[in-house]
Each structure stands twice: as C-alpha cells, then as structure tokens.
Amino acid sequence: MKKLSLIIFTVFLNMALFSCNPESIVDEVIPQACCGDGGEIPPPDPPPTTPPTGNGG
C-alpha cells in the first residue's frame, strides 16, 4: 500500500511539474522586429582581408 501511494504521488507530482500550456506562453511573448519596425535586416559586414604573410614557402 505504501508503494502504491508513492507511485500515485510521483505521477501527480510529474503532471504538476511538467504540464504546460504552450498557447499561454506564445500569447505572452510580444514579437519585436530587429532594426526598425519590420524592415529588412541588413547583411553582415564582409570579413576583413588580411595580407598574405611572406614565410618564403
């Protein structure tokens, strides 16, 4: 009887901890645009070019 009550308690504890309503999380998040109000995101700057080193190879 002790094991059965422990199993039932564990099941209810897991249900309470891991139950989630994804719609409520999505509704709370306010989407924000980057770099202005819904404009295009500019491309990143090109990487800097380094001059070749003369190792005499």
Protein backbone atom coordinates (compact mmCIF):
# COMPACT_ATOMS: atom_id res chain seq x y z
CA MET A 1 0.00 0.00 0.00
CA LYS A 2 2.91 2.33 0.72
CA LYS A 3 4.41 1.74 -2.73
CA LEU A 4 1.09 2.39 -4.44
CA SER A 5 0.61 5.72 -2.68
CA LEU A 6 4.21 6.69 -3.52
CA ILE A 7 3.65 5.85 -7.21
CA ILE A 8 0.41 7.86 -7.32
CA PHE A 9 2.10 10.80 -5.59
CA THR A 10 5.00 10.66 -8.08
CA VAL A 11 2.63 10.59 -11.05
CA PHE A 12 0.70 13.62 -9.80
CA LEU A 13 3.93 15.47 -8.99
CA ASN A 14 5.24 14.85 -12.51
CA MET A 15 1.95 16.00 -14.01
CA ALA A 16 2.08 19.21 -11.98
CA LEU A 17 5.72 19.95 -12.81
CA PHE A 18 5.77 19.10 -16.49
CA SER A 19 2.30 20.12 -17.65
CA CYS A 20 2.50 23.23 -19.76
CA ASN A 21 0.14 25.19 -21.94
CA PRO A 22 2.18 26.40 -24.94
CA GLU A 23 -0.60 28.72 -26.14
CA SER A 24 -0.36 30.80 -22.97
CA ILE A 25 3.41 31.13 -23.36
CA VAL A 26 3.08 32.18 -27.01
CA ASP A 27 0.38 34.73 -26.18
CA GLU A 28 2.57 36.41 -23.55
CA VAL A 29 5.55 36.91 -25.88
CA ILE A 30 5.43 40.18 -27.82
CA PRO A 31 7.29 39.80 -31.12
CA GLN A 32 9.76 42.59 -31.78
CA ALA A 33 11.32 43.45 -35.10
CA CYS A 34 15.04 43.94 -35.38
CA CYS A 35 16.50 47.15 -36.73
CA GLY A 36 13.26 49.12 -37.02
CA ASP A 37 9.61 48.41 -37.48
CA GLY A 38 9.51 45.31 -39.62
CA GLY A 39 12.16 46.46 -42.09
CA GLU A 40 14.69 44.21 -43.73
CA ILE A 41 17.68 43.06 -41.70
CA PRO A 42 20.89 44.36 -43.31
CA PRO A 43 23.52 41.77 -44.26
CA PRO A 44 26.61 41.50 -42.04
CA ASP A 45 29.80 43.32 -42.93
CA PRO A 46 32.26 41.30 -45.04
CA PRO A 47 35.19 39.81 -43.13
CA PRO A 48 38.37 41.85 -43.24
CA THR A 49 41.00 40.67 -45.66
CA THR A 50 44.48 40.12 -44.29
CA PRO A 51 47.57 40.46 -46.47
CA PRO A 52 49.45 37.22 -47.08
CA THR A 53 52.49 36.68 -44.89
CA GLY A 54 55.80 36.03 -46.58
CA ASN A 55 57.20 32.90 -44.99
CA GLY A 56 59.31 32.08 -48.02
CA GLY A 57 57.44 28.90 -48.84
